[in-house]
Amino acid sequence: MTSVQNIVKMIILTAVLALWSLALNAQLNYDYTKGKFLIKGTVVDLHTHAPVPLANIKIVNSGRGLTCDNEGNFTLYVSKSDTLAFSSTGYITKVFHVVNFDSTKYYTLQIELLHDFIKLKEVTIYPYKDLDEFKKAFVDAKDQNKVVIPGIAPPKYSNKIPKAKFTNPISYLYEKLKKKGAANPDFKP
């Protein structure tokens, strides 16, 4: 049994070594980067200079791309003929040709994106379908004296609209004492 176990171990070890050598060969394969060079940088907001997290970078020529990290940093292999498009939700897309990059700044690129503003027209909201229906309802209410004051119940048997009465505590006490006669100058005990 030990010889069978040894054979199984040798087969597993051989398979692992074969897969490991393929993985090393794939890592050392520079065909993908042949003729390309590395650029690094950060995508930031134009006004605040805060990093734009998860911004998209698309290589327009090949249709491939990547996403920045949460701090807006990116690392990318490009060739001189590539065109890069930097975009993010809420920002205007910015397109660069790699030829135009300064070779001394390949590792310190700072791409600034501008906020995309959408200006909406002014909107007025009515509890009616349109302005004409509002005007009609207003005129009808005025003709029937059905003006409603918030917080005051409408009169049941009169056309007079009650007025709100506001009193302060001192006036209230004065009125109470006046009825008892204590505030009356002619009061005699």
N, C-alpha and C. Protein backbone atom coordinates (compact mmCIF):
# COMPACT_ATOMS: atom_id res chain seq x y z
N MET A 1 0.82 -1.20 0.00
CA MET A 1 0.00 0.00 0.00
C MET A 1 0.85 1.25 0.00
N THR A 2 2.00 1.16 0.62
CA THR A 2 2.85 2.33 0.68
C THR A 2 3.38 2.70 -0.69
N SER A 3 3.62 1.71 -1.54
CA SER A 3 4.10 2.04 -2.89
C SER A 3 3.01 2.73 -3.69
N VAL A 4 1.72 2.36 -3.48
CA VAL A 4 0.61 3.02 -4.17
C VAL A 4 0.48 4.46 -3.67
N GLN A 5 0.64 4.65 -2.40
CA GLN A 5 0.56 6.01 -1.84
C GLN A 5 1.71 6.87 -2.35
N ASN A 6 2.88 6.28 -2.48
CA ASN A 6 4.02 7.03 -3.00
C ASN A 6 3.80 7.42 -4.45
N ILE A 7 3.21 6.52 -5.23
CA ILE A 7 2.94 6.82 -6.64
C ILE A 7 1.92 7.96 -6.75
N VAL A 8 0.88 7.93 -5.92
CA VAL A 8 -0.14 8.99 -5.93
C VAL A 8 0.49 10.32 -5.55
N LYS A 9 1.34 10.32 -4.54
CA LYS A 9 2.02 11.55 -4.11
C LYS A 9 2.89 12.09 -5.23
N MET A 10 3.59 11.20 -5.95
CA MET A 10 4.46 11.64 -7.05
C MET A 10 3.64 12.25 -8.19
N ILE A 11 2.49 11.66 -8.48
CA ILE A 11 1.63 12.18 -9.55
C ILE A 11 1.11 13.57 -9.16
N ILE A 12 0.66 13.72 -7.93
CA ILE A 12 0.15 15.01 -7.46
C ILE A 12 1.26 16.05 -7.47
N LEU A 13 2.45 15.66 -7.02
CA LEU A 13 3.59 16.59 -7.00
C LEU A 13 3.97 17.01 -8.41
N THR A 14 3.96 16.08 -9.34
CA THR A 14 4.27 16.38 -10.74
C THR A 14 3.24 17.35 -11.33
N ALA A 15 1.96 17.11 -11.02
CA ALA A 15 0.90 17.98 -11.54
C ALA A 15 1.04 19.38 -10.97
N VAL A 16 1.33 19.47 -9.67
CA VAL A 16 1.49 20.79 -9.04
C VAL A 16 2.67 21.53 -9.65
N LEU A 17 3.79 20.84 -9.85
CA LEU A 17 4.97 21.48 -10.44
C LEU A 17 4.70 21.92 -11.88
N ALA A 18 3.97 21.12 -12.63
CA ALA A 18 3.64 21.49 -14.01
C ALA A 18 2.78 22.75 -14.03
N LEU A 19 1.75 22.80 -13.18
CA LEU A 19 0.89 23.98 -13.13
C LEU A 19 1.66 25.21 -12.64
N TRP A 20 2.55 25.00 -11.69
CA TRP A 20 3.33 26.10 -11.16
C TRP A 20 4.25 26.68 -12.23
N SER A 21 4.86 25.82 -13.04
CA SER A 21 5.75 26.29 -14.11
C SER A 21 4.97 27.04 -15.18
N LEU A 22 3.73 26.60 -15.45
CA LEU A 22 2.89 27.33 -16.42
C LEU A 22 2.54 28.71 -15.87
N ALA A 23 2.25 28.79 -14.58
CA ALA A 23 1.92 30.08 -13.97
C ALA A 23 3.11 31.02 -14.03
N LEU A 24 4.30 30.52 -13.76
CA LEU A 24 5.50 31.36 -13.84
C LEU A 24 5.75 31.82 -15.26
N ASN A 25 5.54 30.95 -16.22
CA ASN A 25 5.73 31.31 -17.62
C ASN A 25 4.75 32.40 -18.02
N ALA A 26 3.50 32.31 -17.53
CA ALA A 26 2.50 33.32 -17.86
C ALA A 26 2.88 34.67 -17.24
N GLN A 27 3.44 34.67 -16.04
CA GLN A 27 3.83 35.92 -15.40
C GLN A 27 5.03 36.55 -16.09
N LEU A 28 5.89 35.76 -16.62
CA LEU A 28 7.08 36.28 -17.27
C LEU A 28 6.88 36.57 -18.75
N ASN A 29 5.67 36.42 -19.23
CA ASN A 29 5.36 36.65 -20.63
C ASN A 29 5.18 38.16 -20.85
N TYR A 30 6.12 38.76 -21.56
CA TYR A 30 6.08 40.20 -21.80
C TYR A 30 5.47 40.55 -23.16
N ASP A 31 4.81 39.59 -23.80
CA ASP A 31 4.21 39.88 -25.10
C ASP A 31 3.12 40.94 -24.98
N TYR A 32 2.37 40.92 -23.88
CA TYR A 32 1.28 41.88 -23.69
C TYR A 32 1.83 43.30 -23.53
N THR A 33 2.98 43.43 -22.93
CA THR A 33 3.55 44.76 -22.68
C THR A 33 4.62 45.15 -23.69
N LYS A 34 4.81 44.35 -24.71
CA LYS A 34 5.84 44.67 -25.70
C LYS A 34 5.49 45.97 -26.41
N GLY A 35 6.40 46.92 -26.39
CA GLY A 35 6.19 48.22 -27.03
C GLY A 35 5.36 49.17 -26.18
N LYS A 36 5.02 48.77 -24.98
CA LYS A 36 4.21 49.62 -24.11
C LYS A 36 5.03 50.07 -22.92
N PHE A 37 4.54 51.10 -22.27
CA PHE A 37 5.22 51.61 -21.08
C PHE A 37 4.17 51.89 -20.02
N LEU A 38 4.61 52.00 -18.80
CA LEU A 38 3.72 52.16 -17.64
C LEU A 38 3.47 53.63 -17.34
N ILE A 39 2.21 53.97 -17.09
CA ILE A 39 1.87 55.30 -16.59
C ILE A 39 1.10 55.12 -15.28
N LYS A 40 1.28 56.08 -14.37
CA LYS A 40 0.58 56.07 -13.10
C LYS A 40 0.04 57.47 -12.85
N GLY A 41 -1.05 57.52 -12.12
CA GLY A 41 -1.59 58.84 -11.82
C GLY A 41 -2.81 58.78 -10.95
N THR A 42 -3.45 59.95 -10.83
CA THR A 42 -4.64 60.09 -10.00
C THR A 42 -5.68 60.90 -10.77
N VAL A 43 -6.94 60.50 -10.63
CA VAL A 43 -8.05 61.26 -11.22
C VAL A 43 -8.66 62.08 -10.09
N VAL A 44 -8.72 63.42 -10.28
CA VAL A 44 -9.21 64.33 -9.23
C VAL A 44 -10.29 65.25 -9.80
N ASP A 45 -11.04 65.86 -8.89
CA ASP A 45 -12.03 66.86 -9.24
C ASP A 45 -11.31 68.16 -9.59
N LEU A 46 -11.75 68.85 -10.62
CA LEU A 46 -11.08 70.05 -11.10
C LEU A 46 -11.11 71.17 -10.06
N HIS A 47 -12.23 71.36 -9.38
CA HIS A 47 -12.36 72.49 -8.46
C HIS A 47 -11.84 72.18 -7.06
N THR A 48 -12.16 71.02 -6.53
CA THR A 48 -11.79 70.72 -5.14
C THR A 48 -10.48 69.96 -5.03
N HIS A 49 -9.99 69.41 -6.12
CA HIS A 49 -8.79 68.57 -6.16
C HIS A 49 -8.92 67.35 -5.25
N ALA A 50 -10.15 66.97 -4.95
CA ALA A 50 -10.41 65.73 -4.20
C ALA A 50 -10.37 64.56 -5.18
N PRO A 51 -9.88 63.40 -4.76
CA PRO A 51 -9.84 62.27 -5.67
C PRO A 51 -11.24 61.83 -6.09
N VAL A 52 -11.34 61.36 -7.33
CA VAL A 52 -12.61 60.84 -7.84
C VAL A 52 -12.53 59.32 -7.73
N PRO A 53 -13.25 58.73 -6.78
CA PRO A 53 -13.14 57.28 -6.60
C PRO A 53 -13.80 56.52 -7.73
N LEU A 54 -13.21 55.40 -8.09
CA LEU A 54 -13.76 54.46 -9.07
C LEU A 54 -14.03 55.10 -10.43
N ALA A 55 -13.17 56.03 -10.85
CA ALA A 55 -13.29 56.63 -12.18
C ALA A 55 -12.91 55.58 -13.22
N ASN A 56 -13.48 55.69 -14.40
CA ASN A 56 -13.23 54.73 -15.48
C ASN A 56 -12.19 55.27 -16.44
N ILE A 57 -11.30 54.37 -16.88
CA ILE A 57 -10.31 54.73 -17.89
C ILE A 57 -10.46 53.74 -19.02
N LYS A 58 -10.73 54.24 -20.21
CA LYS A 58 -10.94 53.37 -21.37
C LYS A 58 -9.86 53.66 -22.41
N ILE A 59 -9.24 52.58 -22.89
CA ILE A 59 -8.31 52.72 -24.02
C ILE A 59 -9.18 52.64 -25.27
N VAL A 60 -9.37 53.77 -25.91
CA VAL A 60 -10.33 53.88 -27.01
C VAL A 60 -9.94 52.96 -28.17
N ASN A 61 -8.66 52.83 -28.46
CA ASN A 61 -8.20 52.02 -29.61
C ASN A 61 -8.59 50.56 -29.46
N SER A 62 -8.44 50.00 -28.26
CA SER A 62 -8.68 48.58 -28.07
C SER A 62 -10.04 48.29 -27.44
N GLY A 63 -10.67 49.28 -26.85
CA GLY A 63 -11.94 49.06 -26.19
C GLY A 63 -11.79 48.50 -24.78
N ARG A 64 -10.57 48.28 -24.34
CA ARG A 64 -10.32 47.79 -22.98
C ARG A 64 -10.21 48.97 -22.03
N GLY A 65 -10.24 48.64 -20.75
CA GLY A 65 -10.11 49.70 -19.78
C GLY A 65 -9.99 49.17 -18.37
N LEU A 66 -10.03 50.07 -17.43
CA LEU A 66 -9.94 49.71 -16.03
C LEU A 66 -10.64 50.77 -15.20
N THR A 67 -10.73 50.47 -13.90
CA THR A 67 -11.36 51.38 -12.95
C THR A 67 -10.33 51.78 -11.90
N CYS A 68 -10.33 53.05 -11.53
CA CYS A 68 -9.42 53.54 -10.49
C CYS A 68 -9.83 52.96 -9.13
N ASP A 69 -8.94 53.07 -8.16
CA ASP A 69 -9.27 52.62 -6.82
C ASP A 69 -10.07 53.71 -6.09
N ASN A 70 -10.32 53.53 -4.81
CA ASN A 70 -11.13 54.48 -4.04
C ASN A 70 -10.47 55.83 -3.85
N GLU A 71 -9.15 55.91 -4.05
CA GLU A 71 -8.45 57.19 -3.94
C GLU A 71 -8.20 57.82 -5.31
N GLY A 72 -8.78 57.25 -6.36
CA GLY A 72 -8.62 57.78 -7.71
C GLY A 72 -7.31 57.42 -8.38
N ASN A 73 -6.52 56.50 -7.80
CA ASN A 73 -5.22 56.12 -8.37
C ASN A 73 -5.40 55.07 -9.45
N PHE A 74 -4.50 55.13 -10.45
CA PHE A 74 -4.52 54.13 -11.51
C PHE A 74 -3.09 53.82 -11.96
N THR A 75 -2.92 52.63 -12.52
CA THR A 75 -1.66 52.18 -13.11
C THR A 75 -2.04 51.47 -14.39
N LEU A 76 -1.39 51.82 -15.51
CA LEU A 76 -1.83 51.32 -16.81
C LEU A 76 -0.66 51.23 -17.78
N TYR A 77 -0.62 50.14 -18.55
CA TYR A 77 0.35 50.02 -19.64
C TYR A 77 -0.29 50.56 -20.91
N VAL A 78 0.41 51.48 -21.58
CA VAL A 78 -0.10 52.10 -22.80
C VAL A 78 1.01 52.18 -23.84
N SER A 79 0.60 52.39 -25.06
CA SER A 79 1.58 52.65 -26.12
C SER A 79 1.38 54.08 -26.60
N LYS A 80 2.30 54.59 -27.37
CA LYS A 80 2.24 55.98 -27.84
C LYS A 80 1.02 56.26 -28.72
N SER A 81 0.50 55.23 -29.38
CA SER A 81 -0.63 55.43 -30.29
C SER A 81 -1.99 55.36 -29.61
N ASP A 82 -2.02 55.06 -28.30
CA ASP A 82 -3.30 54.91 -27.59
C ASP A 82 -3.96 56.25 -27.30
N THR A 83 -5.29 56.19 -27.20
CA THR A 83 -6.09 57.32 -26.78
C THR A 83 -6.86 56.89 -25.54
N LEU A 84 -6.77 57.69 -24.48
CA LEU A 84 -7.42 57.34 -23.20
C LEU A 84 -8.61 58.26 -22.95
N ALA A 85 -9.71 57.66 -22.47
CA ALA A 85 -10.91 58.42 -22.11
C ALA A 85 -11.16 58.22 -20.62
N PHE A 86 -11.11 59.31 -19.86
CA PHE A 86 -11.34 59.28 -18.42
C PHE A 86 -12.77 59.74 -18.16
N SER A 87 -13.53 58.95 -17.40
CA SER A 87 -14.92 59.31 -17.14
C SER A 87 -15.35 58.82 -15.76
N SER A 88 -16.40 59.45 -15.26
CA SER A 88 -17.02 59.05 -14.00
C SER A 88 -18.42 59.63 -13.99
N THR A 89 -19.30 59.00 -13.22
CA THR A 89 -20.67 59.48 -13.13
C THR A 89 -20.68 60.87 -12.52
N GLY A 90 -21.37 61.80 -13.19
CA GLY A 90 -21.45 63.17 -12.71
C GLY A 90 -20.35 64.07 -13.23
N TYR A 91 -19.46 63.55 -14.07
CA TYR A 91 -18.34 64.33 -14.61
C TYR A 91 -18.35 64.25 -16.13
N ILE A 92 -17.78 65.27 -16.75
CA ILE A 92 -17.65 65.29 -18.21
C ILE A 92 -16.44 64.44 -18.59
N THR A 93 -16.60 63.58 -19.60
CA THR A 93 -15.53 62.70 -20.05
C THR A 93 -14.40 63.53 -20.66
N LYS A 94 -13.17 63.15 -20.32
CA LYS A 94 -11.99 63.85 -20.83
C LYS A 94 -11.16 62.85 -21.62
N VAL A 95 -10.77 63.22 -22.84
CA VAL A 95 -10.03 62.34 -23.74
C VAL A 95 -8.62 62.88 -23.93
N PHE A 96 -7.61 61.97 -23.81
CA PHE A 96 -6.20 62.33 -23.99
C PHE A 96 -5.56 61.38 -24.98
N HIS A 97 -4.64 61.92 -25.78
CA HIS A 97 -3.77 61.09 -26.62
C HIS A 97 -2.47 60.90 -25.86
N VAL A 98 -2.00 59.68 -25.77
CA VAL A 98 -0.80 59.38 -24.98
C VAL A 98 0.41 60.13 -25.52
N VAL A 99 0.43 60.40 -26.81
CA VAL A 99 1.54 61.14 -27.41
C VAL A 99 1.70 62.51 -26.76
N ASN A 100 0.58 63.10 -26.31
CA ASN A 100 0.62 64.44 -25.74
C ASN A 100 1.07 64.48 -24.28
N PHE A 101 1.20 63.32 -23.62
CA PHE A 101 1.67 63.29 -22.23
C PHE A 101 3.14 63.65 -22.19
N ASP A 102 3.53 64.42 -21.18
CA ASP A 102 4.93 64.76 -20.95
C ASP A 102 5.63 63.53 -20.37
N SER A 103 6.71 63.09 -21.01
CA SER A 103 7.38 61.85 -20.59
C SER A 103 8.00 61.95 -19.20
N THR A 104 8.23 63.15 -18.71
CA THR A 104 8.80 63.29 -17.36
C THR A 104 7.73 63.10 -16.28
N LYS A 105 6.47 63.11 -16.67
CA LYS A 105 5.38 62.99 -15.70
C LYS A 105 4.60 61.69 -15.85
N TYR A 106 5.20 60.66 -16.43
CA TYR A 106 4.51 59.39 -16.63
C TYR A 106 4.06 58.74 -15.32
N TYR A 107 4.75 59.02 -14.23
CA TYR A 107 4.41 58.37 -12.96
C TYR A 107 3.70 59.30 -11.99
N THR A 108 3.43 60.53 -12.42
CA THR A 108 2.76 61.50 -11.54
C THR A 108 1.64 62.23 -12.27
N LEU A 109 0.92 61.55 -13.14
CA LEU A 109 -0.16 62.20 -13.88
C LEU A 109 -1.29 62.60 -12.94
N GLN A 110 -1.86 63.75 -13.19
CA GLN A 110 -3.04 64.17 -12.45
C GLN A 110 -4.09 64.59 -13.46
N ILE A 111 -5.12 63.77 -13.58
CA ILE A 111 -6.19 64.03 -14.54
C ILE A 111 -7.32 64.73 -13.80
N GLU A 112 -7.70 65.92 -14.25
CA GLU A 112 -8.74 66.70 -13.59
C GLU A 112 -10.03 66.61 -14.39
N LEU A 113 -11.10 66.17 -13.72
CA LEU A 113 -12.41 66.06 -14.37
C LEU A 113 -13.32 67.17 -13.87
N LEU A 114 -14.13 67.70 -14.77
CA LEU A 114 -15.05 68.79 -14.47
C LEU A 114 -16.44 68.22 -14.22
N HIS A 115 -17.13 68.74 -13.18
CA HIS A 115 -18.50 68.31 -12.89
C HIS A 115 -19.40 68.58 -14.08
N ASP A 116 -20.31 67.67 -14.34
CA ASP A 116 -21.29 67.84 -15.40
C ASP A 116 -22.53 68.46 -14.78
N PHE A 117 -22.87 69.68 -15.20
CA PHE A 117 -24.02 70.38 -14.64
C PHE A 117 -25.20 70.27 -15.59
N ILE A 118 -26.34 69.96 -15.03
CA ILE A 118 -27.57 69.93 -15.81
C ILE A 118 -28.48 70.99 -15.21
N LYS A 119 -28.78 72.02 -15.98
CA LYS A 119 -29.62 73.10 -15.49
C LYS A 119 -31.06 72.84 -15.92
N LEU A 120 -31.93 72.77 -14.95
CA LEU A 120 -33.35 72.55 -15.22
C LEU A 120 -34.09 73.87 -15.23
N LYS A 121 -35.18 73.91 -15.98
CA LYS A 121 -36.01 75.10 -16.00
C LYS A 121 -36.77 75.20 -14.69
N GLU A 122 -37.18 76.42 -14.36
CA GLU A 122 -37.93 76.64 -13.12
C GLU A 122 -39.29 75.95 -13.22
N VAL A 123 -39.71 75.33 -12.12
CA VAL A 123 -40.97 74.60 -12.09
C VAL A 123 -41.83 75.18 -10.98
N THR A 124 -43.09 75.48 -11.30
CA THR A 124 -44.05 75.94 -10.31
C THR A 124 -45.09 74.84 -10.12
N ILE A 125 -45.33 74.47 -8.87
CA ILE A 125 -46.25 73.37 -8.59
C ILE A 125 -47.53 73.94 -7.99
N TYR A 126 -48.65 73.57 -8.59
CA TYR A 126 -49.96 73.98 -8.12
C TYR A 126 -50.75 72.73 -7.73
N PRO A 127 -51.71 72.88 -6.78
CA PRO A 127 -52.54 71.72 -6.46
C PRO A 127 -53.64 71.53 -7.50
N TYR A 128 -53.51 72.19 -8.61
CA TYR A 128 -54.49 72.09 -9.69
C TYR A 128 -53.77 71.64 -10.96
N LYS A 129 -54.52 71.27 -11.95
CA LYS A 129 -53.92 70.78 -13.20
C LYS A 129 -53.10 71.86 -13.89
N ASP A 130 -53.64 73.07 -13.92
CA ASP A 130 -52.93 74.16 -14.57
C ASP A 130 -53.30 75.49 -13.90
N LEU A 131 -52.71 76.57 -14.35
CA LEU A 131 -52.91 77.88 -13.77
C LEU A 131 -54.34 78.37 -13.95
N ASP A 132 -54.95 78.07 -15.08
CA ASP A 132 -56.34 78.51 -15.33
C ASP A 132 -57.32 77.87 -14.34
N GLU A 133 -57.11 76.58 -14.03
CA GLU A 133 -57.98 75.91 -13.06
C GLU A 133 -57.79 76.53 -11.67
N PHE A 134 -56.58 76.92 -11.33
CA PHE A 134 -56.32 77.58 -10.05
C PHE A 134 -57.03 78.92 -9.99
N LYS A 135 -56.95 79.70 -11.05
CA LYS A 135 -57.62 81.01 -11.08
C LYS A 135 -59.13 80.86 -10.92
N LYS A 136 -59.70 79.88 -11.61
CA LYS A 136 -61.13 79.64 -11.52
C LYS A 136 -61.52 79.26 -10.08
N ALA A 137 -60.76 78.38 -9.44
CA ALA A 137 -61.06 77.98 -8.07
C ALA A 137 -60.92 79.15 -7.12
N PHE A 138 -59.97 80.02 -7.34
CA PHE A 138 -59.76 81.18 -6.48
C PHE A 138 -60.92 82.16 -6.62
N VAL A 139 -61.36 82.42 -7.85
CA VAL A 139 -62.48 83.34 -8.07
C VAL A 139 -63.76 82.76 -7.48
N ASP A 140 -63.99 81.46 -7.63
CA ASP A 140 -65.19 80.83 -7.06
C ASP A 140 -65.19 80.94 -5.54
N ALA A 141 -64.07 80.75 -4.91
CA ALA A 141 -63.99 80.85 -3.46
C ALA A 141 -64.23 82.28 -3.00
N LYS A 142 -63.76 83.25 -3.75
CA LYS A 142 -63.93 84.66 -3.38
C LYS A 142 -65.39 85.07 -3.50
N ASP A 143 -66.08 84.57 -4.54
CA ASP A 143 -67.49 84.91 -4.75
C ASP A 143 -68.37 84.34 -3.65
N GLN A 144 -68.03 83.21 -3.10
CA GLN A 144 -68.88 82.55 -2.11
C GLN A 144 -68.44 82.85 -0.68
N ASN A 145 -67.48 83.71 -0.49
CA ASN A 145 -66.95 84.03 0.83
C ASN A 145 -66.52 82.77 1.58
N LYS A 146 -65.89 81.89 0.91
CA LYS A 146 -65.43 80.66 1.53
C LYS A 146 -63.92 80.70 1.74
N VAL A 147 -63.46 81.79 2.27
CA VAL A 147 -62.04 81.90 2.55
C VAL A 147 -61.77 81.15 3.85
N VAL A 148 -60.84 80.26 3.83
CA VAL A 148 -60.54 79.44 5.00
C VAL A 148 -59.26 79.93 5.64
N ILE A 149 -59.31 80.20 6.94
CA ILE A 149 -58.13 80.60 7.69
C ILE A 149 -57.62 79.36 8.40
N PRO A 150 -56.38 78.99 8.17
CA PRO A 150 -55.87 77.79 8.84
C PRO A 150 -55.89 77.94 10.36
N GLY A 151 -56.36 76.91 11.04
CA GLY A 151 -56.38 76.90 12.49
C GLY A 151 -57.66 77.44 13.10
N ILE A 152 -58.58 78.00 12.28
CA ILE A 152 -59.84 78.54 12.80
C ILE A 152 -60.97 77.86 12.04
N ALA A 153 -61.91 77.34 12.79
CA ALA A 153 -63.05 76.66 12.18
C ALA A 153 -63.93 77.68 11.46
N PRO A 154 -64.46 77.32 10.30
CA PRO A 154 -65.34 78.25 9.60
C PRO A 154 -66.66 78.42 10.36
N PRO A 155 -67.29 79.60 10.27
CA PRO A 155 -68.55 79.81 10.99
C PRO A 155 -69.67 78.95 10.41
N LYS A 156 -70.57 78.48 11.31
CA LYS A 156 -71.67 77.63 10.84
C LYS A 156 -72.87 78.46 10.40
N TYR A 157 -73.22 79.50 11.16
CA TYR A 157 -74.48 80.20 10.90
C TYR A 157 -74.27 81.66 10.53
N SER A 158 -73.06 82.06 10.23
CA SER A 158 -72.81 83.46 9.95
C SER A 158 -71.88 83.56 8.75
N ASN A 159 -71.93 84.68 8.06
CA ASN A 159 -71.03 84.94 6.95
C ASN A 159 -69.78 85.66 7.40
N LYS A 160 -69.76 86.08 8.69
CA LYS A 160 -68.60 86.79 9.20
C LYS A 160 -67.48 85.80 9.45
N ILE A 161 -66.32 86.16 9.02
CA ILE A 161 -65.15 85.31 9.22
C ILE A 161 -64.55 85.67 10.57
N PRO A 162 -64.39 84.70 11.46
CA PRO A 162 -63.83 85.03 12.77
C PRO A 162 -62.38 85.46 12.65
N LYS A 163 -61.99 86.37 13.52
CA LYS A 163 -60.62 86.83 13.52
C LYS A 163 -59.88 86.09 14.61
N ALA A 164 -58.67 85.81 14.35
CA ALA A 164 -57.86 85.12 15.34
C ALA A 164 -57.55 86.07 16.48
N LYS A 165 -57.66 85.57 17.72
CA LYS A 165 -57.41 86.41 18.88
C LYS A 165 -56.15 85.89 19.55
N PHE A 166 -55.20 86.78 19.68
CA PHE A 166 -53.94 86.42 20.31
C PHE A 166 -53.77 87.28 21.55
N THR A 167 -53.51 86.64 22.67
CA THR A 167 -53.29 87.38 23.90
C THR A 167 -52.01 86.90 24.55
N ASN A 168 -51.40 87.83 25.25
CA ASN A 168 -50.23 87.42 26.01
C ASN A 168 -50.67 87.13 27.44
N PRO A 169 -49.86 86.44 28.23
CA PRO A 169 -50.28 86.05 29.58
C PRO A 169 -50.60 87.23 30.51
N ILE A 170 -49.91 88.33 30.38
CA ILE A 170 -50.15 89.48 31.26
C ILE A 170 -51.51 90.10 30.96
N SER A 171 -51.85 90.20 29.66
CA SER A 171 -53.16 90.75 29.30
C SER A 171 -54.27 89.84 29.81
N TYR A 172 -54.07 88.56 29.75
CA TYR A 172 -55.06 87.60 30.23
C TYR A 172 -55.29 87.78 31.73
N LEU A 173 -54.23 87.89 32.50
CA LEU A 173 -54.37 88.08 33.94
C LEU A 173 -55.02 89.42 34.27
N TYR A 174 -54.68 90.45 33.54
CA TYR A 174 -55.28 91.77 33.77
C TYR A 174 -56.79 91.71 33.57
N GLU A 175 -57.21 91.04 32.48
CA GLU A 175 -58.65 90.93 32.21
C GLU A 175 -59.35 90.15 33.31
N LYS A 176 -58.76 89.10 33.83
CA LYS A 176 -59.36 88.31 34.90
C LYS A 176 -59.50 89.13 36.18
N LEU A 177 -58.44 89.85 36.53
CA LEU A 177 -58.46 90.64 37.76
C LEU A 177 -59.38 91.85 37.64
N LYS A 178 -59.51 92.40 36.44
CA LYS A 178 -60.35 93.56 36.21
C LYS A 178 -61.81 93.21 36.50
N LYS A 179 -62.22 92.00 36.13
CA LYS A 179 -63.60 91.58 36.37
C LYS A 179 -63.86 91.42 37.86
N LYS A 180 -62.85 91.04 38.63
CA LYS A 180 -63.03 90.88 40.07
C LYS A 180 -62.97 92.22 40.79
N GLY A 181 -62.50 93.22 40.14
CA GLY A 181 -62.48 94.52 40.74
C GLY A 181 -61.17 94.91 41.39
N ALA A 182 -60.21 94.01 41.45
CA ALA A 182 -58.95 94.35 42.12
C ALA A 182 -58.16 95.35 41.31
N ALA A 183 -58.32 95.37 40.00
CA ALA A 183 -57.57 96.29 39.18
C ALA A 183 -58.32 97.60 38.98
N ASN A 184 -59.56 97.69 39.46
CA ASN A 184 -60.38 98.88 39.33
C ASN A 184 -59.91 99.93 40.32
N PRO A 185 -59.56 101.14 39.86
CA PRO A 185 -59.09 102.15 40.82
C PRO A 185 -60.18 102.59 41.80
N ASP A 186 -61.43 102.43 41.43
CA ASP A 186 -62.51 102.83 42.31
C ASP A 186 -62.91 101.72 43.28
N PHE A 187 -62.21 100.67 43.28
CA PHE A 187 -62.53 99.53 44.14
C PHE A 187 -62.25 99.85 45.59
N LYS A 188 -63.21 99.55 46.44
CA LYS A 188 -63.06 99.76 47.87
C LYS A 188 -63.40 98.44 48.56
N PRO A 189 -62.53 97.98 49.40
CA PRO A 189 -62.81 96.71 50.07
C PRO A 189 -63.88 96.79 51.12
